[in-house]
PDB file of all heavy atoms in Angstrom:
ATOM      1  N   ASP A   1     104.941 108.420 180.364  1.00  0.00           N
ATOM      2  CA  ASP A   1     105.329 106.962 180.453  1.00  0.00           C
ATOM      3  C   ASP A   1     106.805 106.908 180.878  1.00  0.00           C
ATOM      4  O   ASP A   1     107.132 105.961 181.613  1.00  0.00           O
ATOM      5  CB  ASP A   1     105.148 106.366 179.059  1.00  0.00           C
ATOM      6  CG  ASP A   1     103.617 106.063 178.842  1.00  0.00           C
ATOM      7  OD1 ASP A   1     102.889 106.046 179.777  1.00  0.00           O
ATOM      8  OD2 ASP A   1     103.263 105.908 177.600  1.00  0.00           O
ATOM      9  N   ALA A   2     107.618 107.797 180.435  1.00  0.00           N
ATOM     10  CA  ALA A   2     109.058 107.779 180.818  1.00  0.00           C
ATOM     11  C   ALA A   2     109.176 108.066 182.304  1.00  0.00           C
ATOM     12  O   ALA A   2     109.999 107.402 183.002  1.00  0.00           O
ATOM     13  CB  ALA A   2     109.883 108.744 180.023  1.00  0.00           C
ATOM     14  N   ILE A   3     108.460 109.030 182.788  1.00  0.00           N
ATOM     15  CA  ILE A   3     108.477 109.331 184.271  1.00  0.00           C
ATOM     16  C   ILE A   3     108.020 108.139 185.073  1.00  0.00           C
ATOM     17  O   ILE A   3     108.697 107.739 186.047  1.00  0.00           O
ATOM     18  CB  ILE A   3     107.579 110.570 184.532  1.00  0.00           C
ATOM     19  CG1 ILE A   3     108.174 111.818 183.859  1.00  0.00           C
ATOM     20  CG2 ILE A   3     107.513 110.761 186.023  1.00  0.00           C
ATOM     21  CD1 ILE A   3     107.191 112.977 183.859  1.00  0.00           C
ATOM     22  N   ILE A   4     106.930 107.509 184.636  1.00  0.00           N
ATOM     23  CA  ILE A   4     106.412 106.367 185.416  1.00  0.00           C
ATOM     24  C   ILE A   4     107.396 105.223 185.372  1.00  0.00           C
ATOM     25  O   ILE A   4     107.648 104.543 186.386  1.00  0.00           O
ATOM     26  CB  ILE A   4     105.072 105.943 184.869  1.00  0.00           C
ATOM     27  CG1 ILE A   4     104.005 106.985 185.216  1.00  0.00           C
ATOM     28  CG2 ILE A   4     104.605 104.617 185.414  1.00  0.00           C
ATOM     29  CD1 ILE A   4     102.638 106.813 184.594  1.00  0.00           C
ATOM     30  N   LYS A   5     108.001 104.997 184.238  1.00  0.00           N
ATOM     31  CA  LYS A   5     108.952 103.931 184.138  1.00  0.00           C
ATOM     32  C   LYS A   5     110.163 104.127 185.061  1.00  0.00           C
ATOM     33  O   LYS A   5     110.682 103.225 185.678  1.00  0.00           O
ATOM     34  CB  LYS A   5     109.409 103.754 182.671  1.00  0.00           C
ATOM     35  CG  LYS A   5     110.372 102.616 182.339  1.00  0.00           C
ATOM     36  CD  LYS A   5     110.631 102.579 180.889  1.00  0.00           C
ATOM     37  CE  LYS A   5     111.502 101.348 180.486  1.00  0.00           C
ATOM     38  NZ  LYS A   5     112.874 101.410 181.032  1.00  0.00           N
ATOM     39  N   SER A   6     110.654 105.348 185.083  1.00  0.00           N
ATOM     40  CA  SER A   6     111.795 105.704 185.910  1.00  0.00           C
ATOM     41  C   SER A   6     111.485 105.463 187.366  1.00  0.00           C
ATOM     42  O   SER A   6     112.240 104.895 188.119  1.00  0.00           O
ATOM     43  CB  SER A   6     112.227 107.109 185.606  1.00  0.00           C
ATOM     44  OG  SER A   6     113.370 107.456 186.397  1.00  0.00           O
ATOM     45  N   LEU A   7     110.292 106.012 187.812  1.00  0.00           N
ATOM     46  CA  LEU A   7     109.911 105.862 189.195  1.00  0.00           C
ATOM     47  C   LEU A   7     109.762 104.370 189.564  1.00  0.00           C
ATOM     48  O   LEU A   7     110.198 103.971 190.655  1.00  0.00           O
ATOM     49  CB  LEU A   7     108.593 106.556 189.420  1.00  0.00           C
ATOM     50  CG  LEU A   7     108.656 108.091 189.583  1.00  0.00           C
ATOM     51  CD1 LEU A   7     107.281 108.700 189.495  1.00  0.00           C
ATOM     52  CD2 LEU A   7     109.365 108.510 190.840  1.00  0.00           C
ATOM     53  N   THR A   8     109.193 103.635 188.657  1.00  0.00           N
ATOM     54  CA  THR A   8     108.960 102.208 188.963  1.00  0.00           C
ATOM     55  C   THR A   8     110.209 101.376 188.985  1.00  0.00           C
ATOM     56  O   THR A   8     110.353 100.506 189.860  1.00  0.00           O
ATOM     57  CB  THR A   8     107.966 101.633 187.903  1.00  0.00           C
ATOM     58  OG1 THR A   8     106.824 102.326 187.893  1.00  0.00           O
ATOM     59  CG2 THR A   8     107.654 100.173 188.178  1.00  0.00           C
ATOM     60  N   GLU A   9     111.109 101.616 188.079  1.00  0.00           N
ATOM     61  CA  GLU A   9     112.321 100.846 187.982  1.00  0.00           C
ATOM     62  C   GLU A   9     113.476 101.312 188.811  1.00  0.00           C
ATOM     63  O   GLU A   9     114.314 100.533 189.274  1.00  0.00           O
ATOM     64  CB  GLU A   9     112.769 100.838 186.488  1.00  0.00           C
ATOM     65  CG  GLU A   9     111.795 100.116 185.602  1.00  0.00           C
ATOM     66  CD  GLU A   9     112.244 100.006 184.107  1.00  0.00           C
ATOM     67  OE1 GLU A   9     113.315 100.663 183.849  1.00  0.00           O
ATOM     68  OE2 GLU A   9     111.532  99.395 183.377  1.00  0.00           O
ATOM     69  N   THR A  10     113.573 102.664 189.057  1.00  0.00           N
ATOM     70  CA  THR A  10     114.738 103.206 189.817  1.00  0.00           C
ATOM     71  C   THR A  10     114.343 103.829 191.148  1.00  0.00           C
ATOM     72  O   THR A  10     115.195 104.117 191.973  1.00  0.00           O
ATOM     73  CB  THR A  10     115.568 104.201 188.965  1.00  0.00           C
ATOM     74  OG1 THR A  10     114.703 105.382 188.826  1.00  0.00           O
ATOM     75  CG2 THR A  10     115.830 103.684 187.545  1.00  0.00           C
ATOM     76  N   GLY A  11     113.141 104.153 191.332  1.00  0.00           N
ATOM     77  CA  GLY A  11     112.698 104.827 192.554  1.00  0.00           C
ATOM     78  C   GLY A  11     112.875 106.329 192.449  1.00  0.00           C
ATOM     79  O   GLY A  11     112.619 107.041 193.431  1.00  0.00           O
ATOM     80  N   LYS A  12     113.310 106.760 191.324  1.00  0.00           N
ATOM     81  CA  LYS A  12     113.568 108.185 191.110  1.00  0.00           C
ATOM     82  C   LYS A  12     112.929 108.633 189.790  1.00  0.00           C
ATOM     83  O   LYS A  12     112.863 107.891 188.860  1.00  0.00           O
ATOM     84  CB  LYS A  12     115.098 108.484 191.054  1.00  0.00           C
ATOM     85  CG  LYS A  12     115.903 108.097 192.300  1.00  0.00           C
ATOM     86  CD  LYS A  12     115.504 109.073 193.459  1.00  0.00           C
ATOM     87  CE  LYS A  12     116.346 108.718 194.703  1.00  0.00           C
ATOM     88  NZ  LYS A  12     115.976 109.622 195.827  1.00  0.00           N
ATOM     89  N   GLN A  13     112.590 109.892 189.781  1.00  0.00           N
ATOM     90  CA  GLN A  13     112.012 110.457 188.500  1.00  0.00           C
ATOM     91  C   GLN A  13     113.191 110.806 187.647  1.00  0.00           C
ATOM     92  O   GLN A  13     114.379 110.887 188.094  1.00  0.00           O
ATOM     93  CB  GLN A  13     111.215 111.680 188.787  1.00  0.00           C
ATOM     94  CG  GLN A  13     111.985 112.850 189.444  1.00  0.00           C
ATOM     95  CD  GLN A  13     111.068 114.009 189.754  1.00  0.00           C
ATOM     96  OE1 GLN A  13     111.025 114.963 188.932  1.00  0.00           O
ATOM     97  NE2 GLN A  13     110.376 113.973 190.868  1.00  0.00           N
ATOM     98  N   PRO A  14     112.991 111.040 186.307  1.00  0.00           N
ATOM     99  CA  PRO A  14     114.101 111.519 185.448  1.00  0.00           C
ATOM    100  C   PRO A  14     114.730 112.750 185.945  1.00  0.00           C
ATOM    101  O   PRO A  14     114.042 113.545 186.570  1.00  0.00           O
ATOM    102  CB  PRO A  14     113.375 111.705 184.074  1.00  0.00           C
ATOM    103  CG  PRO A  14     112.155 110.816 184.196  1.00  0.00           C
ATOM    104  CD  PRO A  14     111.740 110.900 185.627  1.00  0.00           C
ATOM    105  N   ALA A  15     115.978 112.977 185.525  1.00  0.00           N
ATOM    106  CA  ALA A  15     116.686 114.172 185.965  1.00  0.00           C
ATOM    107  C   ALA A  15     115.960 115.429 185.496  1.00  0.00           C
ATOM    108  O   ALA A  15     116.048 116.516 186.180  1.00  0.00           O
ATOM    109  CB  ALA A  15     118.107 114.055 185.498  1.00  0.00           C
ATOM    110  N   THR A  16     115.339 115.298 184.339  1.00  0.00           N
ATOM    111  CA  THR A  16     114.692 116.484 183.728  1.00  0.00           C
ATOM    112  C   THR A  16     113.317 116.151 183.384  1.00  0.00           C
ATOM    113  O   THR A  16     113.091 115.144 182.728  1.00  0.00           O
ATOM    114  CB  THR A  16     115.469 116.994 182.508  1.00  0.00           C
ATOM    115  OG1 THR A  16     116.785 117.322 182.890  1.00  0.00           O
ATOM    116  CG2 THR A  16     114.782 118.200 181.957  1.00  0.00           C
ATOM    117  N   ILE A  17     112.377 117.012 183.686  1.00  0.00           N
ATOM    118  CA  ILE A  17     110.988 116.861 183.245  1.00  0.00           C
ATOM    119  C   ILE A  17     110.609 118.131 182.520  1.00  0.00           C
ATOM    120  O   ILE A  17     110.727 119.238 183.068  1.00  0.00           O
ATOM    121  CB  ILE A  17     109.985 116.697 184.448  1.00  0.00           C
ATOM    122  CG1 ILE A  17     110.272 115.334 185.129  1.00  0.00           C
ATOM    123  CG2 ILE A  17     108.581 116.751 183.971  1.00  0.00           C
ATOM    124  CD1 ILE A  17     109.365 115.100 186.361  1.00  0.00           C
ATOM    125  N   SER A  18     110.462 118.014 181.216  1.00  0.00           N
ATOM    126  CA  SER A  18     110.286 119.179 180.340  1.00  0.00           C
ATOM    127  C   SER A  18     108.872 119.785 180.405  1.00  0.00           C
ATOM    128  O   SER A  18     108.751 120.995 180.251  1.00  0.00           O
ATOM    129  CB  SER A  18     110.635 118.833 178.898  1.00  0.00           C
ATOM    130  OG  SER A  18     109.775 117.840 178.429  1.00  0.00           O
ATOM    131  N   ASN A  19     107.999 118.968 180.611  1.00  0.00           N
ATOM    132  CA  ASN A  19     106.504 119.424 180.583  1.00  0.00           C
ATOM    133  C   ASN A  19     106.190 120.112 181.899  1.00  0.00           C
ATOM    134  O   ASN A  19     106.241 119.526 182.960  1.00  0.00           O
ATOM    135  CB  ASN A  19     105.590 118.236 180.378  1.00  0.00           C
ATOM    136  CG  ASN A  19     104.187 118.727 180.006  1.00  0.00           C
ATOM    137  OD1 ASN A  19     103.625 119.602 180.586  1.00  0.00           O
ATOM    138  ND2 ASN A  19     103.596 118.011 179.086  1.00  0.00           N
ATOM    139  N   PRO A  20     105.907 121.428 181.865  1.00  0.00           N
ATOM    140  CA  PRO A  20     105.679 122.187 183.171  1.00  0.00           C
ATOM    141  C   PRO A  20     104.494 121.603 183.916  1.00  0.00           C
ATOM    142  O   PRO A  20     104.433 121.807 185.193  1.00  0.00           O
ATOM    143  CB  PRO A  20     105.487 123.597 182.674  1.00  0.00           C
ATOM    144  CG  PRO A  20     105.093 123.513 181.232  1.00  0.00           C
ATOM    145  CD  PRO A  20     105.783 122.330 180.678  1.00  0.00           C
ATOM    146  N   ALA A  21     103.572 120.985 183.254  1.00  0.00           N
ATOM    147  CA  ALA A  21     102.402 120.475 184.005  1.00  0.00           C
ATOM    148  C   ALA A  21     102.694 119.260 184.835  1.00  0.00           C
ATOM    149  O   ALA A  21     102.052 119.003 185.822  1.00  0.00           O
ATOM    150  CB  ALA A  21     101.307 120.106 182.968  1.00  0.00           C
ATOM    151  N   PHE A  22     103.735 118.535 184.481  1.00  0.00           N
ATOM    152  CA  PHE A  22     104.125 117.388 185.177  1.00  0.00           C
ATOM    153  C   PHE A  22     105.111 117.701 186.345  1.00  0.00           C
ATOM    154  O   PHE A  22     105.244 116.822 187.306  1.00  0.00           O
ATOM    155  CB  PHE A  22     104.849 116.398 184.276  1.00  0.00           C
ATOM    156  CG  PHE A  22     103.971 115.754 183.253  1.00  0.00           C
ATOM    157  CD1 PHE A  22     104.500 115.296 182.058  1.00  0.00           C
ATOM    158  CD2 PHE A  22     102.617 115.577 183.440  1.00  0.00           C
ATOM    159  CE1 PHE A  22     103.659 114.749 181.074  1.00  0.00           C
ATOM    160  CE2 PHE A  22     101.776 115.012 182.509  1.00  0.00           C
ATOM    161  CZ  PHE A  22     102.337 114.574 181.303  1.00  0.00           C
ATOM    162  N   LYS A  23     105.696 118.818 186.416  1.00  0.00           N
ATOM    163  CA  LYS A  23     106.602 119.085 187.400  1.00  0.00           C
ATOM    164  C   LYS A  23     106.041 119.208 188.807  1.00  0.00           C
ATOM    165  O   LYS A  23     106.617 118.599 189.730  1.00  0.00           O
ATOM    166  CB  LYS A  23     107.347 120.443 187.053  1.00  0.00           C
ATOM    167  CG  LYS A  23     108.359 120.288 185.861  1.00  0.00           C
ATOM    168  CD  LYS A  23     109.080 121.596 185.598  1.00  0.00           C
ATOM    169  CE  LYS A  23     109.969 121.412 184.383  1.00  0.00           C
ATOM    170  NZ  LYS A  23     110.701 122.703 184.002  1.00  0.00           N
ATOM    171  N   PRO A  24     104.955 119.829 189.005  1.00  0.00           N
ATOM    172  CA  PRO A  24     104.334 119.788 190.390  1.00  0.00           C
ATOM    173  C   PRO A  24     103.783 118.421 190.678  1.00  0.00           C
ATOM    174  O   PRO A  24     103.729 118.060 191.815  1.00  0.00           O
ATOM    175  CB  PRO A  24     103.250 120.865 190.304  1.00  0.00           C
ATOM    176  CG  PRO A  24     102.840 120.990 188.799  1.00  0.00           C
ATOM    177  CD  PRO A  24     104.126 120.744 188.072  1.00  0.00           C
ATOM    178  N   LEU A  25     103.376 117.709 189.710  1.00  0.00           N
ATOM    179  CA  LEU A  25     102.716 116.415 189.946  1.00  0.00           C
ATOM    180  C   LEU A  25     103.819 115.466 190.424  1.00  0.00           C
ATOM    181  O   LEU A  25     103.532 114.667 191.363  1.00  0.00           O
ATOM    182  CB  LEU A  25     102.135 115.889 188.617  1.00  0.00           C
ATOM    183  CG  LEU A  25     101.417 114.487 188.725  1.00  0.00           C
ATOM    184  CD1 LEU A  25     100.253 114.529 189.609  1.00  0.00           C
ATOM    185  CD2 LEU A  25     101.062 114.110 187.276  1.00  0.00           C
ATOM    186  N   PHE A  26     104.979 115.511 189.829  1.00  0.00           N
ATOM    187  CA  PHE A  26     106.086 114.559 190.232  1.00  0.00           C
ATOM    188  C   PHE A  26     107.159 115.414 190.901  1.00  0.00           C
ATOM    189  O   PHE A  26     108.335 115.479 190.386  1.00  0.00           O
ATOM    190  CB  PHE A  26     106.562 113.848 188.962  1.00  0.00           C
ATOM    191  CG  PHE A  26     105.522 112.912 188.390  1.00  0.00           C
ATOM    192  CD1 PHE A  26     104.896 113.287 187.185  1.00  0.00           C
ATOM    193  CD2 PHE A  26     105.219 111.761 188.984  1.00  0.00           C
ATOM    194  CE1 PHE A  26     103.889 112.436 186.673  1.00  0.00           C
ATOM    195  CE2 PHE A  26     104.233 110.902 188.435  1.00  0.00           C
ATOM    196  CZ  PHE A  26     103.611 111.269 187.222  1.00  0.00           C
ATOM    197  N   ASN A  27     106.861 115.941 192.011  1.00  0.00           N
ATOM    198  CA  ASN A  27     107.884 116.650 192.816  1.00  0.00           C
ATOM    199  C   ASN A  27     108.854 115.613 193.465  1.00  0.00           C
ATOM    200  O   ASN A  27     108.395 114.558 193.953  1.00  0.00           O
ATOM    201  CB  ASN A  27     107.190 117.415 193.990  1.00  0.00           C
ATOM    202  CG  ASN A  27     108.125 118.279 194.720  1.00  0.00           C
ATOM    203  OD1 ASN A  27     108.962 117.814 195.476  1.00  0.00           O
ATOM    204  ND2 ASN A  27     108.048 119.607 194.499  1.00  0.00           N
ATOM    205  N   PRO A  28     110.214 115.879 193.383  1.00  0.00           N
ATOM    206  CA  PRO A  28     111.186 114.856 193.844  1.00  0.00           C
ATOM    207  C   PRO A  28     110.878 114.459 195.287  1.00  0.00           C
ATOM    208  O   PRO A  28     111.230 113.308 195.693  1.00  0.00           O
ATOM    209  CB  PRO A  28     112.460 115.591 193.726  1.00  0.00           C
ATOM    210  CG  PRO A  28     112.219 116.600 192.611  1.00  0.00           C
ATOM    211  CD  PRO A  28     110.779 117.031 192.804  1.00  0.00           C
ATOM    212  N   VAL A  29     110.255 115.279 196.133  1.00  0.00           N
ATOM    213  CA  VAL A  29     110.067 114.883 197.535  1.00  0.00           C
ATOM    214  C   VAL A  29     109.080 113.707 197.638  1.00  0.00           C
ATOM    215  O   VAL A  29     109.059 112.980 198.686  1.00  0.00           O
ATOM    216  CB  VAL A  29     109.511 116.124 198.356  1.00  0.00           C
ATOM    217  CG1 VAL A  29     108.028 116.309 198.074  1.00  0.00           C
ATOM    218  CG2 VAL A  29     109.765 115.894 199.800  1.00  0.00           C
ATOM    219  N   ASN A  30     108.315 113.488 196.604  1.00  0.00           N
ATOM    220  CA  ASN A  30     107.302 112.377 196.634  1.00  0.00           C
ATOM    221  C   ASN A  30     107.910 111.093 195.999  1.00  0.00           C
ATOM    222  O   ASN A  30     107.122 110.150 195.826  1.00  0.00           O
ATOM    223  CB  ASN A  30     106.076 112.766 195.925  1.00  0.00           C
ATOM    224  CG  ASN A  30     105.440 113.948 196.652  1.00  0.00           C
ATOM    225  OD1 ASN A  30     105.389 113.948 197.845  1.00  0.00           O
ATOM    226  ND2 ASN A  30     104.873 114.894 195.892  1.00  0.00           N
ATOM    227  N   ASP A  31     109.148 111.100 195.585  1.00  0.00           N
ATOM    228  CA  ASP A  31     109.715 109.889 194.867  1.00  0.00           C
ATOM    229  C   ASP A  31     109.511 108.583 195.606  1.00  0.00           C
ATOM    230  O   ASP A  31     109.149 107.588 195.133  1.00  0.00           O
ATOM    231  CB  ASP A  31     111.122 110.135 194.452  1.00  0.00           C
ATOM    232  CG  ASP A  31     111.301 111.010 193.274  1.00  0.00           C
ATOM    233  OD1 ASP A  31     110.328 111.497 192.710  1.00  0.00           O
ATOM    234  OD2 ASP A  31     112.482 111.281 192.872  1.00  0.00           O
TER     235      ASP A  31
END
């Protein structure tokens, strides 16, 4: 939810994603 909120409100993902399963899903190149 925090990742989605950041992408929606700022256009960028959070500086740190701790969950390794989410890292490939939310690659910065796709922001």
